[in-house]
Amino acid sequence: MKKLMILISATILVVSLVASANSATFVAGLWFDDNAFADKIFYPYVGSDHTNYVTSVGGSQSEVVTDADLSTYLYCNTVGSPGVFMQIDFLDNKLINGPGPDLALFELGTNDRFDVMIGTTYKTFNTTYTGYRVGIDHRNVNVNAALIDLSEWNLFSGAVIGSVTVRLDLRTPPYNTVPTLAVVGALNSTPVPIVPSSILLLSGVGGLIAVHRKRNT
């Protein structure tokens, strides 16, 4: 019995380790896999340094977009800017066209709009209030989100992509505000692979438990 309890404890430990590899992060009413957030940003248009048109708060431009922290963000700071486009890459995970929305863009303050490009096709998405607020500069501001379904681009179910391009200077009437981009997360993404050694250990423990039961029958 003592040996069996040890084996069961080992099994529980392994299952816990596997579960932790797929743990989730909560952002303004939505759950994301820990690796489901953007990994890298890039301004793709050669000859125009768009970083000069963008201000980040709470870290570098890359840091504030690739974390899961709503209190860090960036925004376009120039009126009449020539069109500020930012490519957002997913490196350790990929976006999948699954059921429902596949991508969430979180922004702060008033409801704004995003132009999102996949391939050469743009779609415009409005943000809506999530019901959550975040403390910024000693005040609470609304957290808004645009939920994006890859089917809008006529992608087949299960299609996988590694990046999207977002326009940061699209203005929304009546106040001509621009989005304050805080978090980018994949609602449907490639699964995190389980570490092979964990699988082997789990199957090994299962085999030992089976042997123990056989010997005691």
C-alpha atoms as a PDB file:
ATOM      1  CA  MET A   1       0.000   0.000   0.000  1.00  0.00           C
ATOM      2  CA  LYS A   2       2.819   2.407   0.850  1.00  0.00           C
ATOM      3  CA  LYS A   3       4.455   1.806  -2.537  1.00  0.00           C
ATOM      4  CA  LEU A   4       1.131   2.347  -4.262  1.00  0.00           C
ATOM      5  CA  MET A   5       0.640   5.684  -2.490  1.00  0.00           C
ATOM      6  CA  ILE A   6       4.118   6.768  -3.591  1.00  0.00           C
ATOM      7  CA  LEU A   7       3.287   5.851  -7.176  1.00  0.00           C
ATOM      8  CA  ILE A   8      -0.003   7.738  -7.031  1.00  0.00           C
ATOM      9  CA  SER A   9       1.756  10.788  -5.592  1.00  0.00           C
ATOM     10  CA  ALA A  10       4.293  10.653  -8.406  1.00  0.00           C
ATOM     11  CA  THR A  11       1.482  10.471 -10.937  1.00  0.00           C
ATOM     12  CA  ILE A  12      -0.233  13.511  -9.446  1.00  0.00           C
ATOM     13  CA  LEU A  13       3.057  15.416  -9.555  1.00  0.00           C
ATOM     14  CA  VAL A  14       3.600  14.622 -13.226  1.00  0.00           C
ATOM     15  CA  VAL A  15       0.034  15.581 -14.112  1.00  0.00           C
ATOM     16  CA  SER A  16       0.527  18.867 -12.269  1.00  0.00           C
ATOM     17  CA  LEU A  17       3.709  19.558 -14.225  1.00  0.00           C
ATOM     18  CA  VAL A  18       1.949  18.861 -17.500  1.00  0.00           C
ATOM     19  CA  ALA A  19      -0.964  21.087 -16.516  1.00  0.00           C
ATOM     20  CA  SER A  20       1.387  23.921 -15.610  1.00  0.00           C
ATOM     21  CA  ALA A  21       2.841  23.757 -19.122  1.00  0.00           C
ATOM     22  CA  ASN A  22      -0.636  24.654 -20.390  1.00  0.00           C
ATOM     23  CA  SER A  23      -1.600  27.185 -17.710  1.00  0.00           C
ATOM     24  CA  ALA A  24      -3.692  30.187 -18.609  1.00  0.00           C
ATOM     25  CA  THR A  25      -3.667  33.960 -18.193  1.00  0.00           C
ATOM     26  CA  PHE A  26      -6.780  36.068 -17.575  1.00  0.00           C
ATOM     27  CA  VAL A  27      -7.109  39.412 -19.391  1.00  0.00           C
ATOM     28  CA  ALA A  28     -10.254  41.552 -19.100  1.00  0.00           C
ATOM     29  CA  GLY A  29     -12.756  38.703 -19.150  1.00  0.00           C
ATOM     30  CA  LEU A  30     -10.888  36.343 -21.483  1.00  0.00           C
ATOM     31  CA  TRP A  31      -8.565  33.405 -20.820  1.00  0.00           C
ATOM     32  CA  PHE A  32      -5.414  32.826 -22.870  1.00  0.00           C
ATOM     33  CA  ASP A  33      -2.760  30.119 -22.876  1.00  0.00           C
ATOM     34  CA  ASP A  34       0.414  31.548 -21.366  1.00  0.00           C
ATOM     35  CA  ASN A  35       2.207  31.374 -24.709  1.00  0.00           C
ATOM     36  CA  ALA A  36      -0.702  32.806 -26.707  1.00  0.00           C
ATOM     37  CA  PHE A  37       0.493  36.411 -26.674  1.00  0.00           C
ATOM     38  CA  ALA A  38       2.365  38.241 -29.418  1.00  0.00           C
ATOM     39  CA  ASP A  39       6.129  37.685 -29.454  1.00  0.00           C
ATOM     40  CA  LYS A  40       7.597  40.352 -31.719  1.00  0.00           C
ATOM     41  CA  ILE A  41       6.715  43.571 -33.533  1.00  0.00           C
ATOM     42  CA  PHE A  42       8.123  44.974 -36.739  1.00  0.00           C
ATOM     43  CA  TYR A  43       7.513  48.096 -38.822  1.00  0.00           C
ATOM     44  CA  PRO A  44       7.691  46.614 -42.338  1.00  0.00           C
ATOM     45  CA  TYR A  45       7.884  49.665 -44.575  1.00  0.00           C
ATOM     46  CA  VAL A  46      11.442  50.522 -45.578  1.00  0.00           C
ATOM     47  CA  GLY A  47      12.251  54.238 -45.912  1.00  0.00           C
ATOM     48  CA  SER A  48       9.939  55.455 -43.153  1.00  0.00           C
ATOM     49  CA  ASP A  49      10.946  55.045 -39.521  1.00  0.00           C
ATOM     50  CA  HIS A  50       7.520  54.575 -38.001  1.00  0.00           C
ATOM     51  CA  THR A  51       8.985  54.169 -34.514  1.00  0.00           C
ATOM     52  CA  ASN A  52       9.270  57.964 -34.457  1.00  0.00           C
ATOM     53  CA  TYR A  53       5.491  58.202 -34.694  1.00  0.00           C
ATOM     54  CA  VAL A  54       4.769  55.888 -31.771  1.00  0.00           C
ATOM     55  CA  THR A  55       5.058  56.432 -28.002  1.00  0.00           C
ATOM     56  CA  SER A  56       5.224  53.535 -25.554  1.00  0.00           C
ATOM     57  CA  VAL A  57       4.482  53.640 -21.814  1.00  0.00           C
ATOM     58  CA  GLY A  58       5.788  51.037 -19.372  1.00  0.00           C
ATOM     59  CA  GLY A  59       8.557  49.605 -21.538  1.00  0.00           C
ATOM     60  CA  SER A  60       9.886  49.478 -25.064  1.00  0.00           C
ATOM     61  CA  GLN A  61       7.436  49.284 -27.947  1.00  0.00           C
ATOM     62  CA  SER A  62       8.108  45.571 -28.276  1.00  0.00           C
ATOM     63  CA  GLU A  63       7.758  44.931 -24.541  1.00  0.00           C
ATOM     64  CA  VAL A  64       4.417  46.679 -24.084  1.00  0.00           C
ATOM     65  CA  VAL A  65       2.792  44.820 -26.989  1.00  0.00           C
ATOM     66  CA  THR A  66       4.164  41.362 -26.198  1.00  0.00           C
ATOM     67  CA  ASP A  67       3.317  41.233 -22.483  1.00  0.00           C
ATOM     68  CA  ALA A  68      -0.069  40.482 -20.900  1.00  0.00           C
ATOM     69  CA  ASP A  69      -0.105  43.684 -18.829  1.00  0.00           C
ATOM     70  CA  LEU A  70      -2.917  46.117 -19.602  1.00  0.00           C
ATOM     71  CA  SER A  71      -1.118  48.973 -17.845  1.00  0.00           C
ATOM     72  CA  THR A  72       1.647  49.038 -20.487  1.00  0.00           C
ATOM     73  CA  TYR A  73       0.740  50.313 -23.934  1.00  0.00           C
ATOM     74  CA  LEU A  74       1.657  52.285 -27.038  1.00  0.00           C
ATOM     75  CA  TYR A  75      -0.093  54.753 -29.316  1.00  0.00           C
ATOM     76  CA  CYS A  76       0.492  56.876 -32.400  1.00  0.00           C
ATOM     77  CA  ASN A  77       1.608  60.333 -31.285  1.00  0.00           C
ATOM     78  CA  THR A  78       1.537  62.306 -34.547  1.00  0.00           C
ATOM     79  CA  VAL A  79      -1.444  64.042 -36.121  1.00  0.00           C
ATOM     80  CA  GLY A  80      -1.444  63.560 -39.869  1.00  0.00           C
ATOM     81  CA  SER A  81       1.000  60.662 -39.743  1.00  0.00           C
ATOM     82  CA  PRO A  82       1.471  58.903 -43.091  1.00  0.00           C
ATOM     83  CA  GLY A  83      -0.039  55.594 -42.059  1.00  0.00           C
ATOM     84  CA  VAL A  84       1.670  53.760 -39.194  1.00  0.00           C
ATOM     85  CA  PHE A  85       1.558  50.003 -39.730  1.00  0.00           C
ATOM     86  CA  MET A  86       2.938  47.507 -37.228  1.00  0.00           C
ATOM     87  CA  GLN A  87       3.460  43.822 -37.987  1.00  0.00           C
ATOM     88  CA  ILE A  88       2.755  41.597 -34.983  1.00  0.00           C
ATOM     89  CA  ASP A  89       4.436  38.186 -35.031  1.00  0.00           C
ATOM     90  CA  PHE A  90       3.618  34.993 -33.134  1.00  0.00           C
ATOM     91  CA  LEU A  91       6.774  32.893 -32.856  1.00  0.00           C
ATOM     92  CA  ASP A  92       6.289  30.193 -30.201  1.00  0.00           C
ATOM     93  CA  ASN A  93       2.652  29.798 -31.166  1.00  0.00           C
ATOM     94  CA  LYS A  94       0.583  30.431 -34.276  1.00  0.00           C
ATOM     95  CA  LEU A  95      -2.883  31.824 -34.867  1.00  0.00           C
ATOM     96  CA  ILE A  96      -5.453  29.233 -35.913  1.00  0.00           C
ATOM     97  CA  ASN A  97      -8.778  29.867 -37.606  1.00  0.00           C
ATOM     98  CA  GLY A  98     -10.880  28.031 -35.056  1.00  0.00           C
ATOM     99  CA  PRO A  99     -14.427  28.399 -33.723  1.00  0.00           C
ATOM    100  CA  GLY A 100     -15.422  31.969 -32.870  1.00  0.00           C
ATOM    101  CA  PRO A 101     -12.942  34.851 -32.504  1.00  0.00           C
ATOM    102  CA  ASP A 102      -9.286  33.916 -32.970  1.00  0.00           C
ATOM    103  CA  LEU A 103      -7.447  37.102 -31.974  1.00  0.00           C
ATOM    104  CA  ALA A 104      -8.027  39.831 -29.375  1.00  0.00           C
ATOM    105  CA  LEU A 105      -6.609  43.360 -29.548  1.00  0.00           C
ATOM    106  CA  PHE A 106      -6.969  45.208 -26.245  1.00  0.00           C
ATOM    107  CA  GLU A 107      -6.866  48.990 -26.109  1.00  0.00           C
ATOM    108  CA  LEU A 108      -7.608  51.645 -23.490  1.00  0.00           C
ATOM    109  CA  GLY A 109      -9.861  54.674 -23.075  1.00  0.00           C
ATOM    110  CA  THR A 110     -12.533  55.526 -25.634  1.00  0.00           C
ATOM    111  CA  ASN A 111     -13.702  52.932 -28.130  1.00  0.00           C
ATOM    112  CA  ASP A 112     -11.538  53.054 -31.244  1.00  0.00           C
ATOM    113  CA  ARG A 113     -10.958  51.091 -34.452  1.00  0.00           C
ATOM    114  CA  PHE A 114      -8.195  48.931 -35.872  1.00  0.00           C
ATOM    115  CA  ASP A 115      -7.349  48.207 -39.479  1.00  0.00           C
ATOM    116  CA  VAL A 116      -5.995  44.647 -39.514  1.00  0.00           C
ATOM    117  CA  MET A 117      -4.225  43.188 -42.553  1.00  0.00           C
ATOM    118  CA  ILE A 118      -3.615  39.548 -43.431  1.00  0.00           C
ATOM    119  CA  GLY A 119      -1.875  39.068 -46.743  1.00  0.00           C
ATOM    120  CA  THR A 120      -2.839  42.177 -48.681  1.00  0.00           C
ATOM    121  CA  THR A 121      -6.415  42.509 -47.405  1.00  0.00           C
ATOM    122  CA  TYR A 122      -7.480  44.961 -44.710  1.00  0.00           C
ATOM    123  CA  LYS A 123     -10.505  44.616 -42.468  1.00  0.00           C
ATOM    124  CA  THR A 124     -11.687  47.270 -39.997  1.00  0.00           C
ATOM    125  CA  PHE A 125     -12.737  46.246 -36.489  1.00  0.00           C
ATOM    126  CA  ASN A 126     -14.377  48.368 -33.800  1.00  0.00           C
ATOM    127  CA  THR A 127     -13.463  47.894 -30.155  1.00  0.00           C
ATOM    128  CA  THR A 128     -16.084  47.476 -27.443  1.00  0.00           C
ATOM    129  CA  TYR A 129     -15.916  47.953 -23.687  1.00  0.00           C
ATOM    130  CA  THR A 130     -15.066  44.708 -21.886  1.00  0.00           C
ATOM    131  CA  GLY A 131     -16.568  45.714 -18.540  1.00  0.00           C
ATOM    132  CA  TYR A 132     -13.072  45.951 -17.035  1.00  0.00           C
ATOM    133  CA  ARG A 133     -10.944  48.963 -16.152  1.00  0.00           C
ATOM    134  CA  VAL A 134      -7.245  49.437 -15.432  1.00  0.00           C
ATOM    135  CA  GLY A 135      -5.395  52.009 -13.341  1.00  0.00           C
ATOM    136  CA  ILE A 136      -3.403  54.442 -15.500  1.00  0.00           C
ATOM    137  CA  ASP A 137      -1.826  57.623 -14.094  1.00  0.00           C
ATOM    138  CA  HIS A 138      -3.888  57.504 -10.874  1.00  0.00           C
ATOM    139  CA  ARG A 139      -7.190  57.042 -12.698  1.00  0.00           C
ATOM    140  CA  ASN A 140      -9.179  54.100 -13.982  1.00  0.00           C
ATOM    141  CA  VAL A 141      -9.699  53.815 -17.728  1.00  0.00           C
ATOM    142  CA  ASN A 142     -11.875  51.480 -19.752  1.00  0.00           C
ATOM    143  CA  VAL A 143     -10.396  48.354 -21.293  1.00  0.00           C
ATOM    144  CA  ASN A 144     -11.801  47.761 -24.774  1.00  0.00           C
ATOM    145  CA  ALA A 145     -11.245  44.866 -27.141  1.00  0.00           C
ATOM    146  CA  ALA A 146     -11.588  44.044 -30.810  1.00  0.00           C
ATOM    147  CA  LEU A 147     -12.326  40.337 -31.265  1.00  0.00           C
ATOM    148  CA  ILE A 148     -11.180  39.162 -34.661  1.00  0.00           C
ATOM    149  CA  ASP A 149     -12.293  36.065 -36.536  1.00  0.00           C
ATOM    150  CA  LEU A 150      -9.858  34.887 -39.202  1.00  0.00           C
ATOM    151  CA  SER A 151     -12.828  33.652 -41.216  1.00  0.00           C
ATOM    152  CA  GLU A 152     -13.355  37.310 -42.178  1.00  0.00           C
ATOM    153  CA  TRP A 153     -10.493  36.743 -44.647  1.00  0.00           C
ATOM    154  CA  ASN A 154     -12.155  33.607 -46.031  1.00  0.00           C
ATOM    155  CA  LEU A 155      -9.479  31.388 -44.514  1.00  0.00           C
ATOM    156  CA  PHE A 156     -10.406  27.739 -44.229  1.00  0.00           C
ATOM    157  CA  SER A 157     -11.140  26.217 -40.837  1.00  0.00           C
ATOM    158  CA  GLY A 158      -7.867  25.225 -39.180  1.00  0.00           C
ATOM    159  CA  ALA A 159      -5.765  27.631 -41.259  1.00  0.00           C
ATOM    160  CA  VAL A 160      -2.585  28.716 -39.449  1.00  0.00           C
ATOM    161  CA  ILE A 161      -0.880  32.111 -39.741  1.00  0.00           C
ATOM    162  CA  GLY A 162       2.129  33.600 -37.964  1.00  0.00           C
ATOM    163  CA  SER A 163       1.511  37.352 -38.127  1.00  0.00           C
ATOM    164  CA  VAL A 164      -0.979  40.157 -38.639  1.00  0.00           C
ATOM    165  CA  THR A 165      -0.412  43.822 -39.473  1.00  0.00           C
ATOM    166  CA  VAL A 166      -2.245  46.523 -37.515  1.00  0.00           C
ATOM    167  CA  ARG A 167      -2.638  50.191 -38.365  1.00  0.00           C
ATOM    168  CA  LEU A 168      -2.040  52.390 -35.306  1.00  0.00           C
ATOM    169  CA  ASP A 169      -3.100  55.799 -36.635  1.00  0.00           C
ATOM    170  CA  LEU A 170      -6.645  55.005 -37.775  1.00  0.00           C
ATOM    171  CA  ARG A 171      -8.769  57.770 -36.268  1.00  0.00           C
ATOM    172  CA  THR A 172     -12.262  57.299 -34.851  1.00  0.00           C
ATOM    173  CA  PRO A 173     -14.874  60.084 -34.928  1.00  0.00           C
ATOM    174  CA  PRO A 174     -16.188  62.229 -33.377  1.00  0.00           C
ATOM    175  CA  TYR A 175     -13.005  62.974 -31.399  1.00  0.00           C
ATOM    176  CA  ASN A 176     -10.515  61.580 -33.929  1.00  0.00           C
ATOM    177  CA  THR A 177      -8.886  59.394 -31.288  1.00  0.00           C
ATOM    178  CA  VAL A 178      -6.423  56.628 -32.117  1.00  0.00           C
ATOM    179  CA  PRO A 179      -6.196  53.247 -30.383  1.00  0.00           C
ATOM    180  CA  THR A 180      -3.997  52.776 -27.331  1.00  0.00           C
ATOM    181  CA  LEU A 181      -2.773  49.226 -27.926  1.00  0.00           C
ATOM    182  CA  ALA A 182      -2.014  47.315 -24.720  1.00  0.00           C
ATOM    183  CA  VAL A 183      -2.250  43.533 -25.238  1.00  0.00           C
ATOM    184  CA  VAL A 184      -2.439  41.227 -28.262  1.00  0.00           C
ATOM    185  CA  GLY A 185      -3.495  37.639 -27.614  1.00  0.00           C
ATOM    186  CA  ALA A 186      -4.477  34.584 -29.654  1.00  0.00           C
ATOM    187  CA  LEU A 187      -7.772  33.045 -28.571  1.00  0.00           C
ATOM    188  CA  ASN A 188      -7.188  30.086 -30.888  1.00  0.00           C
ATOM    189  CA  SER A 189      -3.568  29.049 -31.243  1.00  0.00           C
ATOM    190  CA  THR A 190      -1.359  26.021 -31.757  1.00  0.00           C
ATOM    191  CA  PRO A 191      -1.220  23.853 -28.633  1.00  0.00           C
ATOM    192  CA  VAL A 192       1.833  23.793 -26.384  1.00  0.00           C
ATOM    193  CA  PRO A 193       3.575  20.427 -26.914  1.00  0.00           C
ATOM    194  CA  ILE A 194       3.946  18.295 -23.808  1.00  0.00           C
ATOM    195  CA  VAL A 195       7.564  17.600 -22.933  1.00  0.00           C
ATOM    196  CA  PRO A 196       8.320  14.047 -24.178  1.00  0.00           C
ATOM    197  CA  SER A 197      10.103  13.063 -20.964  1.00  0.00           C
ATOM    198  CA  SER A 198       6.971  13.933 -19.016  1.00  0.00           C
ATOM    199  CA  ILE A 199       4.915  11.658 -21.241  1.00  0.00           C
ATOM    200  CA  LEU A 200       7.363   8.802 -20.764  1.00  0.00           C
ATOM    201  CA  LEU A 201       7.425   9.300 -17.010  1.00  0.00           C
ATOM    202  CA  LEU A 202       3.647   9.384 -16.840  1.00  0.00           C
ATOM    203  CA  SER A 203       3.294   6.185 -18.877  1.00  0.00           C
ATOM    204  CA  GLY A 204       5.987   4.525 -16.785  1.00  0.00           C
ATOM    205  CA  VAL A 205       4.227   5.360 -13.539  1.00  0.00           C
ATOM    206  CA  GLY A 206       0.974   4.108 -15.016  1.00  0.00           C
ATOM    207  CA  GLY A 207       2.663   0.813 -15.889  1.00  0.00           C
ATOM    208  CA  LEU A 208       4.063   0.406 -12.395  1.00  0.00           C
ATOM    209  CA  ILE A 209       0.629   0.968 -10.880  1.00  0.00           C
ATOM    210  CA  ALA A 210      -0.824  -1.669 -13.217  1.00  0.00           C
ATOM    211  CA  VAL A 211       1.875  -4.170 -12.197  1.00  0.00           C
ATOM    212  CA  HIS A 212       1.243  -3.439  -8.531  1.00  0.00           C
ATOM    213  CA  ARG A 213      -2.468  -4.086  -8.965  1.00  0.00           C
ATOM    214  CA  LYS A 214      -1.799  -7.362 -10.814  1.00  0.00           C
ATOM    215  CA  ARG A 215       0.470  -8.622  -8.050  1.00  0.00           C
ATOM    216  CA  ASN A 216      -2.171  -7.909  -5.448  1.00  0.00           C
ATOM    217  CA  THR A 217      -5.054  -9.608  -7.227  1.00  0.00           C
END
